[in-house]
C-alpha atoms as a PDB file:
ATOM      1  CA  MET A   1     252.187  13.769 207.511  1.00  0.00           C
ATOM      2  CA  ASP A   2     250.392  17.031 207.075  1.00  0.00           C
ATOM      3  CA  PHE A   3     246.872  17.632 205.792  1.00  0.00           C
ATOM      4  CA  VAL A   4     247.882  18.410 202.199  1.00  0.00           C
ATOM      5  CA  SER A   5     250.073  15.329 201.722  1.00  0.00           C
ATOM      6  CA  ILE A   6     247.201  13.040 202.758  1.00  0.00           C
ATOM      7  CA  PHE A   7     245.074  14.139 199.786  1.00  0.00           C
ATOM      8  CA  PHE A   8     247.891  14.703 197.276  1.00  0.00           C
ATOM      9  CA  ILE A   9     248.298  11.782 194.870  1.00  0.00           C
ATOM     10  CA  PRO A  10     250.855  12.337 192.110  1.00  0.00           C
ATOM     11  CA  LEU A  11     249.729  11.063 188.711  1.00  0.00           C
ATOM     12  CA  GLY A  12     252.792   8.865 188.386  1.00  0.00           C
ATOM     13  CA  THR A  13     251.671   6.498 191.146  1.00  0.00           C
ATOM     14  CA  PHE A  14     248.783   4.818 189.304  1.00  0.00           C
ATOM     15  CA  GLY A  15     249.471   1.113 189.164  1.00  0.00           C
ATOM     16  CA  THR A  16     247.676  -1.834 187.664  1.00  0.00           C
ATOM     17  CA  THR A  17     245.388  -2.267 190.656  1.00  0.00           C
ATOM     18  CA  GLU A  18     244.245   1.356 190.609  1.00  0.00           C
ATOM     19  CA  ILE A  19     243.539   1.267 186.883  1.00  0.00           C
ATOM     20  CA  VAL A  20     241.512  -1.956 187.242  1.00  0.00           C
ATOM     21  CA  VAL A  21     239.484  -0.407 190.069  1.00  0.00           C
ATOM     22  CA  ILE A  22     238.778   2.707 187.973  1.00  0.00           C
ATOM     23  CA  VAL A  23     237.686   0.605 184.979  1.00  0.00           C
ATOM     24  CA  VAL A  24     235.395  -1.552 187.142  1.00  0.00           C
ATOM     25  CA  LEU A  25     233.838   1.536 188.728  1.00  0.00           C
ATOM     26  CA  ALA A  26     233.274   3.075 185.309  1.00  0.00           C
ATOM     27  CA  LEU A  27     231.578  -0.112 184.109  1.00  0.00           C
ATOM     28  CA  LEU A  28     229.357  -0.171 187.179  1.00  0.00           C
ATOM     29  CA  LEU A  29     228.433   3.506 186.903  1.00  0.00           C
ATOM     30  CA  PHE A  30     227.847   3.790 183.167  1.00  0.00           C
ATOM     31  CA  GLY A  31     227.317   0.264 181.891  1.00  0.00           C
ATOM     32  CA  GLY A  32     228.955  -1.484 178.974  1.00  0.00           C
ATOM     33  CA  LYS A  33     226.792   0.142 176.290  1.00  0.00           C
ATOM     34  CA  LYS A  34     227.274   3.727 177.440  1.00  0.00           C
ATOM     35  CA  ILE A  35     231.087   3.731 177.720  1.00  0.00           C
ATOM     36  CA  PRO A  36     231.792   3.552 173.934  1.00  0.00           C
ATOM     37  CA  GLU A  37     229.406   6.470 173.435  1.00  0.00           C
ATOM     38  CA  LEU A  38     231.216   8.457 176.134  1.00  0.00           C
ATOM     39  CA  MET A  39     234.626   7.691 174.624  1.00  0.00           C
ATOM     40  CA  ARG A  40     233.387   8.644 171.143  1.00  0.00           C
ATOM     41  CA  GLY A  41     232.130  11.949 172.534  1.00  0.00           C
ATOM     42  CA  LEU A  42     235.421  12.511 174.321  1.00  0.00           C
ATOM     43  CA  GLY A  43     237.359  11.829 171.111  1.00  0.00           C
ATOM     44  CA  THR A  44     235.154  14.214 169.145  1.00  0.00           C
ATOM     45  CA  GLY A  45     235.607  16.893 171.788  1.00  0.00           C
ATOM     46  CA  LEU A  46     239.390  16.484 171.768  1.00  0.00           C
ATOM     47  CA  LYS A  47     239.452  16.668 167.961  1.00  0.00           C
ATOM     48  CA  GLU A  48     237.400  19.876 167.998  1.00  0.00           C
ATOM     49  CA  PHE A  49     239.642  21.354 170.700  1.00  0.00           C
ATOM     50  CA  LYS A  50     242.808  20.593 168.715  1.00  0.00           C
ATOM     51  CA  LYS A  51     241.241  22.030 165.571  1.00  0.00           C
ATOM     52  CA  ALA A  52     240.231  25.223 167.365  1.00  0.00           C
ATOM     53  CA  SER A  53     243.647  25.639 168.992  1.00  0.00           C
ATOM     54  CA  GLU A  54     245.403  25.177 165.631  1.00  0.00           C
ATOM     55  CA  GLU A  55     243.082  27.733 164.044  1.00  0.00           C
ATOM     56  CA  GLU A  56     243.886  30.138 166.885  1.00  0.00           C
ATOM     57  CA  LYS A  57     247.627  29.621 166.362  1.00  0.00           C
ATOM     58  CA  ASN A  58     247.233  30.219 162.632  1.00  0.00           C
ATOM     59  CA  SER A  59     245.200  33.380 163.160  1.00  0.00           C
ATOM     60  CA  GLU A  60     247.752  34.710 165.682  1.00  0.00           C
ATOM     61  CA  SER A  61     250.644  34.036 163.303  1.00  0.00           C
ATOM     62  CA  SER A  62     248.821  35.685 160.409  1.00  0.00           C
ATOM     63  CA  GLU A  63     248.018  38.710 162.604  1.00  0.00           C
ATOM     64  CA  SER A  64     251.677  39.033 163.574  1.00  0.00           C
ATOM     65  CA  GLU A  65     252.693  38.825 159.899  1.00  0.00           C
ATOM     66  CA  VAL A  66     250.208  41.576 159.020  1.00  0.00           C
ATOM     67  CA  LYS A  67     251.612  43.766 161.804  1.00  0.00           C
ATOM     68  CA  LYS A  68     255.158  43.189 160.537  1.00  0.00           C
ATOM     69  CA  GLU A  69     254.133  44.153 157.009  1.00  0.00           C
ATOM     70  CA  LYS A  70     252.538  47.380 158.221  1.00  0.00           C
ATOM     71  CA  LYS A  71     255.773  48.513 159.927  1.00  0.00           C
END
């Protein structure tokens, strides 16, 4: 085993035990009342990101249509 393979953990290897450990650690670190607030904030952030990326796609497609019309 080399140095890189020791620290490399592919995402596909998370099992039930690992997920339970992560959830327990999150509960210990943040507490039961703070986690819903964090998840709500994460959901809002993801929604805003998707909205911004869709707006960017729409603006790029409209710019390309304008360029085609000018030619």
